[in-house]
């Protein structure tokens, strides 16, 4: 059975101390799936600094909120 990433509450975030913030980190495979790109393309974008990522030792993780923001910033058309 495949384990789901845990949502980790973060304290001491730059937002107000009373605001509860949760971060969902995913590995490169899941991040690439969410973006509908190859893992190689994800690595290239991460390496160029275009997609935010977090290194924990040798592991690389992506915050789902950052991936959504990255997508939203690149949407084109449909504006008024």
Foldseek 3Di string as FASTA:
>chain_A
DDDAFDWDWDAPDPPDRPDTDTWGKDFLVVLCVVVVHDSVVVVVCVVVVNQDWDDDDPTIIHTVVSSVVSVVVPDDDPDD
